[in-house]
Amino acid sequence: MEGSKEISLIDQYVIDFVRKLRDEKKVSQEEIGNIIGVSRTYITNVESTKHPAKYNLSHINLLADYFDLSPRDFLPEKSL
C-alpha cells in the first residue's frame, strides 16, 4: 500500500505482544477477531506493517479478559 503510515512504537509493542500471545496459546487470527468483534482480515491487517490498522483499548480489554490477564500486561513497563 503506497503512502502507508508508520506505526508508533507503542502500537507496534501491543501488536507484537498479541501476536506472541496468539502464537504461544495457539489461537488463530480468526479466533482473535471473534474475541474482539472484527474479521480475520482486520487481524491480518493489524499484523501487517503495510496497513494502519491497530488494536484499540477496547480490543486490549477484551483480549485481557479472554486470556485472564490485566490490560496493563499488554503495555510496556516504561514509555517508549
PDB file of N, CA and C in Angstrom:
ATOM      1  N   MET A   1       0.850  -1.182   0.000  1.00  0.00           N
ATOM      2  CA  MET A   1       0.000   0.000   0.000  1.00  0.00           C
ATOM      3  C   MET A   1       0.888   1.236   0.000  1.00  0.00           C
ATOM      4  N   GLU A   2       0.820   2.016  -1.025  1.00  0.00           N
ATOM      5  CA  GLU A   2       1.645   3.212  -1.132  1.00  0.00           C
ATOM      6  C   GLU A   2       1.185   4.246  -0.124  1.00  0.00           C
ATOM      7  N   GLY A   3       2.156   4.976   0.427  1.00  0.00           N
ATOM      8  CA  GLY A   3       1.835   6.035   1.356  1.00  0.00           C
ATOM      9  C   GLY A   3       1.367   5.537   2.718  1.00  0.00           C
ATOM     10  N   SER A   4       1.688   4.295   3.054  1.00  0.00           N
ATOM     11  CA  SER A   4       1.239   3.780   4.342  1.00  0.00           C
ATOM     12  C   SER A   4       1.921   4.536   5.474  1.00  0.00           C
ATOM     13  N   LYS A   5       1.210   4.713   6.565  1.00  0.00           N
ATOM     14  CA  LYS A   5       1.725   5.458   7.707  1.00  0.00           C
ATOM     15  C   LYS A   5       2.595   4.551   8.558  1.00  0.00           C
ATOM     16  N   GLU A   6       3.648   5.127   9.115  1.00  0.00           N
ATOM     17  CA  GLU A   6       4.496   4.383  10.029  1.00  0.00           C
ATOM     18  C   GLU A   6       3.755   4.236  11.352  1.00  0.00           C
ATOM     19  N   ILE A   7       3.795   3.049  11.898  1.00  0.00           N
ATOM     20  CA  ILE A   7       3.077   2.783  13.146  1.00  0.00           C
ATOM     21  C   ILE A   7       3.930   3.219  14.335  1.00  0.00           C
ATOM     22  N   SER A   8       3.298   3.698  15.381  1.00  0.00           N
ATOM     23  CA  SER A   8       4.030   4.160  16.558  1.00  0.00           C
ATOM     24  C   SER A   8       4.654   2.980  17.301  1.00  0.00           C
ATOM     25  N   LEU A   9       5.654   3.272  18.100  1.00  0.00           N
ATOM     26  CA  LEU A   9       6.336   2.229  18.869  1.00  0.00           C
ATOM     27  C   LEU A   9       5.389   1.540  19.844  1.00  0.00           C
ATOM     28  N   ILE A  10       4.494   2.295  20.465  1.00  0.00           N
ATOM     29  CA  ILE A  10       3.561   1.697  21.422  1.00  0.00           C
ATOM     30  C   ILE A  10       2.571   0.780  20.714  1.00  0.00           C
ATOM     31  N   ASP A  11       2.081   1.200  19.552  1.00  0.00           N
ATOM     32  CA  ASP A  11       1.180   0.339  18.789  1.00  0.00           C
ATOM     33  C   ASP A  11       1.891  -0.937  18.361  1.00  0.00           C
ATOM     34  N   GLN A  12       3.136  -0.812  17.897  1.00  0.00           N
ATOM     35  CA  GLN A  12       3.894  -1.992  17.474  1.00  0.00           C
ATOM     36  C   GLN A  12       4.153  -2.924  18.653  1.00  0.00           C
ATOM     37  N   TYR A  13       4.404  -2.368  19.824  1.00  0.00           N
ATOM     38  CA  TYR A  13       4.618  -3.178  21.026  1.00  0.00           C
ATOM     39  C   TYR A  13       3.380  -4.030  21.309  1.00  0.00           C
ATOM     40  N   VAL A  14       2.197  -3.403  21.278  1.00  0.00           N
ATOM     41  CA  VAL A  14       0.951  -4.119  21.547  1.00  0.00           C
ATOM     42  C   VAL A  14       0.709  -5.187  20.485  1.00  0.00           C
ATOM     43  N   ILE A  15       0.918  -4.838  19.229  1.00  0.00           N
ATOM     44  CA  ILE A  15       0.736  -5.797  18.139  1.00  0.00           C
ATOM     45  C   ILE A  15       1.661  -6.995  18.330  1.00  0.00           C
ATOM     46  N   ASP A  16       2.919  -6.739  18.643  1.00  0.00           N
ATOM     47  CA  ASP A  16       3.881  -7.822  18.857  1.00  0.00           C
ATOM     48  C   ASP A  16       3.499  -8.679  20.064  1.00  0.00           C
ATOM     49  N   PHE A  17       3.013  -8.037  21.124  1.00  0.00           N
ATOM     50  CA  PHE A  17       2.598  -8.774  22.320  1.00  0.00           C
ATOM     51  C   PHE A  17       1.440  -9.712  21.990  1.00  0.00           C
ATOM     52  N   VAL A  18       0.431  -9.197  21.284  1.00  0.00           N
ATOM     53  CA  VAL A  18      -0.737 -10.013  20.935  1.00  0.00           C
ATOM     54  C   VAL A  18      -0.327 -11.147  20.000  1.00  0.00           C
ATOM     55  N   ARG A  19       0.522 -10.856  19.025  1.00  0.00           N
ATOM     56  CA  ARG A  19       0.973 -11.896  18.093  1.00  0.00           C
ATOM     57  C   ARG A  19       1.712 -13.010  18.849  1.00  0.00           C
ATOM     58  N   LYS A  20       2.599 -12.625  19.762  1.00  0.00           N
ATOM     59  CA  LYS A  20       3.346 -13.609  20.550  1.00  0.00           C
ATOM     60  C   LYS A  20       2.390 -14.428  21.428  1.00  0.00           C
ATOM     61  N   LEU A  21       1.459 -13.765  22.076  1.00  0.00           N
ATOM     62  CA  LEU A  21       0.472 -14.443  22.915  1.00  0.00           C
ATOM     63  C   LEU A  21      -0.371 -15.399  22.070  1.00  0.00           C
ATOM     64  N   ARG A  22      -0.780 -14.927  20.907  1.00  0.00           N
ATOM     65  CA  ARG A  22      -1.580 -15.748  19.991  1.00  0.00           C
ATOM     66  C   ARG A  22      -0.812 -17.000  19.587  1.00  0.00           C
ATOM     67  N   ASP A  23       0.472 -16.843  19.263  1.00  0.00           N
ATOM     68  CA  ASP A  23       1.300 -17.988  18.870  1.00  0.00           C
ATOM     69  C   ASP A  23       1.510 -18.948  20.033  1.00  0.00           C
ATOM     70  N   GLU A  24       1.809 -18.412  21.215  1.00  0.00           N
ATOM     71  CA  GLU A  24       2.038 -19.260  22.395  1.00  0.00           C
ATOM     72  C   GLU A  24       0.804 -20.060  22.786  1.00  0.00           C
ATOM     73  N   LYS A  25      -0.362 -19.431  22.678  1.00  0.00           N
ATOM     74  CA  LYS A  25      -1.618 -20.073  23.085  1.00  0.00           C
ATOM     75  C   LYS A  25      -2.287 -20.813  21.928  1.00  0.00           C
ATOM     76  N   LYS A  26      -1.642 -20.784  20.752  1.00  0.00           N
ATOM     77  CA  LYS A  26      -2.174 -21.457  19.563  1.00  0.00           C
ATOM     78  C   LYS A  26      -3.603 -20.984  19.231  1.00  0.00           C
ATOM     79  N   VAL A  27      -3.750 -19.667  19.202  1.00  0.00           N
ATOM     80  CA  VAL A  27      -5.024 -19.034  18.879  1.00  0.00           C
ATOM     81  C   VAL A  27      -4.892 -18.418  17.485  1.00  0.00           C
ATOM     82  N   SER A  28      -5.836 -18.713  16.621  1.00  0.00           N
ATOM     83  CA  SER A  28      -5.771 -18.218  15.243  1.00  0.00           C
ATOM     84  C   SER A  28      -6.161 -16.747  15.147  1.00  0.00           C
ATOM     85  N   GLN A  29      -5.822 -16.150  14.012  1.00  0.00           N
ATOM     86  CA  GLN A  29      -6.246 -14.773  13.748  1.00  0.00           C
ATOM     87  C   GLN A  29      -7.770 -14.687  13.756  1.00  0.00           C
ATOM     88  N   GLU A  30      -8.414 -15.701  13.229  1.00  0.00           N
ATOM     89  CA  GLU A  30      -9.877 -15.705  13.200  1.00  0.00           C
ATOM     90  C   GLU A  30     -10.447 -15.713  14.629  1.00  0.00           C
ATOM     91  N   GLU A  31      -9.852 -16.498  15.509  1.00  0.00           N
ATOM     92  CA  GLU A  31     -10.312 -16.534  16.903  1.00  0.00           C
ATOM     93  C   GLU A  31     -10.104 -15.179  17.585  1.00  0.00           C
ATOM     94  N   ILE A  32      -8.947 -14.548  17.340  1.00  0.00           N
ATOM     95  CA  ILE A  32      -8.697 -13.215  17.914  1.00  0.00           C
ATOM     96  C   ILE A  32      -9.763 -12.245  17.399  1.00  0.00           C
ATOM     97  N   GLY A  33     -10.052 -12.320  16.114  1.00  0.00           N
ATOM     98  CA  GLY A  33     -11.094 -11.472  15.539  1.00  0.00           C
ATOM     99  C   GLY A  33     -12.440 -11.693  16.206  1.00  0.00           C
ATOM    100  N   ASN A  34     -12.790 -12.956  16.442  1.00  0.00           N
ATOM    101  CA  ASN A  34     -14.059 -13.259  17.111  1.00  0.00           C
ATOM    102  C   ASN A  34     -14.085 -12.697  18.530  1.00  0.00           C
ATOM    103  N   ILE A  35     -12.971 -12.768  19.227  1.00  0.00           N
ATOM    104  CA  ILE A  35     -12.889 -12.271  20.608  1.00  0.00           C
ATOM    105  C   ILE A  35     -13.158 -10.773  20.655  1.00  0.00           C
ATOM    106  N   ILE A  36     -12.592 -10.037  19.695  1.00  0.00           N
ATOM    107  CA  ILE A  36     -12.717  -8.574  19.744  1.00  0.00           C
ATOM    108  C   ILE A  36     -13.782  -8.025  18.788  1.00  0.00           C
ATOM    109  N   GLY A  37     -14.482  -8.919  18.077  1.00  0.00           N
ATOM    110  CA  GLY A  37     -15.599  -8.493  17.235  1.00  0.00           C
ATOM    111  C   GLY A  37     -15.218  -7.895  15.900  1.00  0.00           C
ATOM    112  N   VAL A  38     -14.118  -8.407  15.316  1.00  0.00           N
ATOM    113  CA  VAL A  38     -13.699  -7.953  13.982  1.00  0.00           C
ATOM    114  C   VAL A  38     -13.420  -9.172  13.109  1.00  0.00           C
ATOM    115  N   SER A  39     -13.158  -8.926  11.843  1.00  0.00           N
ATOM    116  CA  SER A  39     -12.878 -10.025  10.921  1.00  0.00           C
ATOM    117  C   SER A  39     -11.427 -10.504  11.030  1.00  0.00           C
ATOM    118  N   ARG A  40     -11.188 -11.693  10.517  1.00  0.00           N
ATOM    119  CA  ARG A  40      -9.826 -12.215  10.456  1.00  0.00           C
ATOM    120  C   ARG A  40      -8.964 -11.302   9.596  1.00  0.00           C
ATOM    121  N   THR A  41      -9.543 -10.748   8.551  1.00  0.00           N
ATOM    122  CA  THR A  41      -8.812  -9.835   7.677  1.00  0.00           C
ATOM    123  C   THR A  41      -8.312  -8.617   8.446  1.00  0.00           C
ATOM    124  N   TYR A  42      -9.113  -8.128   9.383  1.00  0.00           N
ATOM    125  CA  TYR A  42      -8.680  -6.998  10.203  1.00  0.00           C
ATOM    126  C   TYR A  42      -7.441  -7.376  11.000  1.00  0.00           C
ATOM    127  N   ILE A  43      -7.421  -8.580  11.586  1.00  0.00           N
ATOM    128  CA  ILE A  43      -6.268  -9.036  12.366  1.00  0.00           C
ATOM    129  C   ILE A  43      -5.054  -9.184  11.463  1.00  0.00           C
ATOM    130  N   THR A  44      -5.262  -9.704  10.258  1.00  0.00           N
ATOM    131  CA  THR A  44      -4.174  -9.795   9.281  1.00  0.00           C
ATOM    132  C   THR A  44      -3.612  -8.409   8.996  1.00  0.00           C
ATOM    133  N   ASN A  45      -4.486  -7.435   8.829  1.00  0.00           N
ATOM    134  CA  ASN A  45      -4.044  -6.058   8.576  1.00  0.00           C
ATOM    135  C   ASN A  45      -3.307  -5.470   9.774  1.00  0.00           C
ATOM    136  N   VAL A  46      -3.783  -5.757  10.980  1.00  0.00           N
ATOM    137  CA  VAL A  46      -3.094  -5.274  12.180  1.00  0.00           C
ATOM    138  C   VAL A  46      -1.673  -5.823  12.222  1.00  0.00           C
ATOM    139  N   GLU A  47      -1.513  -7.103  11.912  1.00  0.00           N
ATOM    140  CA  GLU A  47      -0.204  -7.753  11.998  1.00  0.00           C
ATOM    141  C   GLU A  47       0.708  -7.429  10.817  1.00  0.00           C
ATOM    142  N   SER A  48       0.181  -6.753   9.804  1.00  0.00           N
ATOM    143  CA  SER A  48       0.971  -6.356   8.642  1.00  0.00           C
ATOM    144  C   SER A  48       1.534  -4.951   8.846  1.00  0.00           C
ATOM    145  N   THR A  49       2.767  -4.751   8.450  1.00  0.00           N
ATOM    146  CA  THR A  49       3.373  -3.419   8.556  1.00  0.00           C
ATOM    147  C   THR A  49       2.885  -2.483   7.446  1.00  0.00           C
ATOM    148  N   LYS A  50       2.131  -2.999   6.501  1.00  0.00           N
ATOM    149  CA  LYS A  50       1.685  -2.197   5.362  1.00  0.00           C
ATOM    150  C   LYS A  50       0.315  -1.561   5.569  1.00  0.00           C
ATOM    151  N   HIS A  51      -0.318  -1.840   6.707  1.00  0.00           N
ATOM    152  CA  HIS A  51      -1.655  -1.316   6.974  1.00  0.00           C
ATOM    153  C   HIS A  51      -1.659  -0.520   8.279  1.00  0.00           C
ATOM    154  N   PRO A  52      -2.455   0.520   8.345  1.00  0.00           N
ATOM    155  CA  PRO A  52      -2.504   1.339   9.563  1.00  0.00           C
ATOM    156  C   PRO A  52      -3.421   0.774  10.655  1.00  0.00           C
ATOM    157  N   ALA A  53      -4.079  -0.362  10.402  1.00  0.00           N
ATOM    158  CA  ALA A  53      -4.988  -0.938  11.397  1.00  0.00           C
ATOM    159  C   ALA A  53      -4.216  -1.284  12.670  1.00  0.00           C
ATOM    160  N   LYS A  54      -4.866  -1.100  13.806  1.00  0.00           N
ATOM    161  CA  LYS A  54      -4.218  -1.422  15.080  1.00  0.00           C
ATOM    162  C   LYS A  54      -5.281  -1.735  16.125  1.00  0.00           C
ATOM    163  N   TYR A  55      -4.823  -2.293  17.242  1.00  0.00           N
ATOM    164  CA  TYR A  55      -5.724  -2.585  18.347  1.00  0.00           C
ATOM    165  C   TYR A  55      -6.027  -1.292  19.105  1.00  0.00           C
ATOM    166  N   ASN A  56      -7.247  -1.196  19.633  1.00  0.00           N
ATOM    167  CA  ASN A  56      -7.589  -0.060  20.476  1.00  0.00           C
ATOM    168  C   ASN A  56      -7.767  -0.543  21.920  1.00  0.00           C
ATOM    169  N   LEU A  57      -8.061   0.352  22.820  1.00  0.00           N
ATOM    170  CA  LEU A  57      -8.179  -0.012  24.230  1.00  0.00           C
ATOM    171  C   LEU A  57      -9.295  -1.020  24.489  1.00  0.00           C
ATOM    172  N   SER A  58     -10.386  -0.920  23.761  1.00  0.00           N
ATOM    173  CA  SER A  58     -11.473  -1.893  23.910  1.00  0.00           C
ATOM    174  C   SER A  58     -11.000  -3.288  23.501  1.00  0.00           C
ATOM    175  N   HIS A  59     -10.240  -3.360  22.413  1.00  0.00           N
ATOM    176  CA  HIS A  59      -9.682  -4.645  21.973  1.00  0.00           C
ATOM    177  C   HIS A  59      -8.773  -5.225  23.050  1.00  0.00           C
ATOM    178  N   ILE A  60      -7.899  -4.381  23.590  1.00  0.00           N
ATOM    179  CA  ILE A  60      -6.964  -4.832  24.623  1.00  0.00           C
ATOM    180  C   ILE A  60      -7.736  -5.346  25.835  1.00  0.00           C
ATOM    181  N   ASN A  61      -8.787  -4.643  26.224  1.00  0.00           N
ATOM    182  CA  ASN A  61      -9.588  -5.065  27.364  1.00  0.00           C
ATOM    183  C   ASN A  61     -10.235  -6.426  27.120  1.00  0.00           C
ATOM    184  N   LEU A  62     -10.792  -6.629  25.931  1.00  0.00           N
ATOM    185  CA  LEU A  62     -11.419  -7.914  25.590  1.00  0.00           C
ATOM    186  C   LEU A  62     -10.390  -9.045  25.550  1.00  0.00           C
ATOM    187  N   LEU A  63      -9.223  -8.770  24.983  1.00  0.00           N
ATOM    188  CA  LEU A  63      -8.172  -9.788  24.926  1.00  0.00           C
ATOM    189  C   LEU A  63      -7.651 -10.117  26.325  1.00  0.00           C
ATOM    190  N   ALA A  64      -7.493  -9.111  27.155  1.00  0.00           N
ATOM    191  CA  ALA A  64      -7.040  -9.333  28.528  1.00  0.00           C
ATOM    192  C   ALA A  64      -8.029 -10.227  29.270  1.00  0.00           C
ATOM    193  N   ASP A  65      -9.310  -9.964  29.097  1.00  0.00           N
ATOM    194  CA  ASP A  65     -10.334 -10.784  29.732  1.00  0.00           C
ATOM    195  C   ASP A  65     -10.265 -12.224  29.220  1.00  0.00           C
ATOM    196  N   TYR A  66     -10.160 -12.390  27.926  1.00  0.00           N
ATOM    197  CA  TYR A  66     -10.114 -13.730  27.328  1.00  0.00           C
ATOM    198  C   TYR A  66      -8.908 -14.532  27.833  1.00  0.00           C
ATOM    199  N   PHE A  67      -7.743 -13.889  27.896  1.00  0.00           N
ATOM    200  CA  PHE A  67      -6.520 -14.584  28.294  1.00  0.00           C
ATOM    201  C   PHE A  67      -6.265 -14.525  29.801  1.00  0.00           C
ATOM    202  N   ASP A  68      -7.220 -13.986  30.551  1.00  0.00           N
ATOM    203  CA  ASP A  68      -7.107 -13.866  32.007  1.00  0.00           C
ATOM    204  C   ASP A  68      -5.852 -13.078  32.401  1.00  0.00           C
ATOM    205  N   LEU A  69      -5.676 -11.936  31.744  1.00  0.00           N
ATOM    206  CA  LEU A  69      -4.560 -11.036  32.009  1.00  0.00           C
ATOM    207  C   LEU A  69      -5.109  -9.664  32.379  1.00  0.00           C
ATOM    208  N   SER A  70      -4.234  -8.803  32.822  1.00  0.00           N
ATOM    209  CA  SER A  70      -4.594  -7.408  33.034  1.00  0.00           C
ATOM    210  C   SER A  70      -4.333  -6.645  31.727  1.00  0.00           C
ATOM    211  N   PRO A  71      -5.142  -5.647  31.417  1.00  0.00           N
ATOM    212  CA  PRO A  71      -4.823  -4.831  30.254  1.00  0.00           C
ATOM    213  C   PRO A  71      -3.406  -4.242  30.337  1.00  0.00           C
ATOM    214  N   ARG A  72      -2.915  -4.020  31.551  1.00  0.00           N
ATOM    215  CA  ARG A  72      -1.554  -3.499  31.733  1.00  0.00           C
ATOM    216  C   ARG A  72      -0.500  -4.441  31.173  1.00  0.00           C
ATOM    217  N   ASP A  73      -0.815  -5.742  31.152  1.00  0.00           N
ATOM    218  CA  ASP A  73       0.162  -6.715  30.629  1.00  0.00           C
ATOM    219  C   ASP A  73       0.468  -6.495  29.149  1.00  0.00           C
ATOM    220  N   PHE A  74      -0.420  -5.805  28.448  1.00  0.00           N
ATOM    221  CA  PHE A  74      -0.266  -5.580  27.017  1.00  0.00           C
ATOM    222  C   PHE A  74       0.603  -4.364  26.715  1.00  0.00           C
ATOM    223  N   LEU A  75       0.982  -3.628  27.765  1.00  0.00           N
ATOM    224  CA  LEU A  75       1.750  -2.404  27.590  1.00  0.00           C
ATOM    225  C   LEU A  75       3.143  -2.544  28.172  1.00  0.00           C
ATOM    226  N   PRO A  76       4.098  -1.771  27.648  1.00  0.00           N
ATOM    227  CA  PRO A  76       5.466  -1.833  28.190  1.00  0.00           C
ATOM    228  C   PRO A  76       5.507  -1.235  29.602  1.00  0.00           C
ATOM    229  N   GLU A  77       6.504  -1.634  30.352  1.00  0.00           N
ATOM    230  CA  GLU A  77       6.661  -1.133  31.715  1.00  0.00           C
ATOM    231  C   GLU A  77       6.967   0.368  31.731  1.00  0.00           C
ATOM    232  N   LYS A  78       7.787   0.797  30.781  1.00  0.00           N
ATOM    233  CA  LYS A  78       8.190   2.214  30.669  1.00  0.00           C
ATOM    234  C   LYS A  78       7.694   2.759  29.325  1.00  0.00           C
ATOM    235  N   SER A  79       7.588   4.062  29.238  1.00  0.00           N
ATOM    236  CA  SER A  79       7.193   4.671  27.975  1.00  0.00           C
ATOM    237  C   SER A  79       8.258   4.410  26.908  1.00  0.00           C
ATOM    238  N   LEU A  80       7.820   4.404  25.676  1.00  0.00           N
ATOM    239  CA  LEU A  80       8.724   4.134  24.543  1.00  0.00           C
ATOM    240  C   LEU A  80       9.080   5.415  23.816  1.00  0.00           C
TER     241      LEU A  80
END
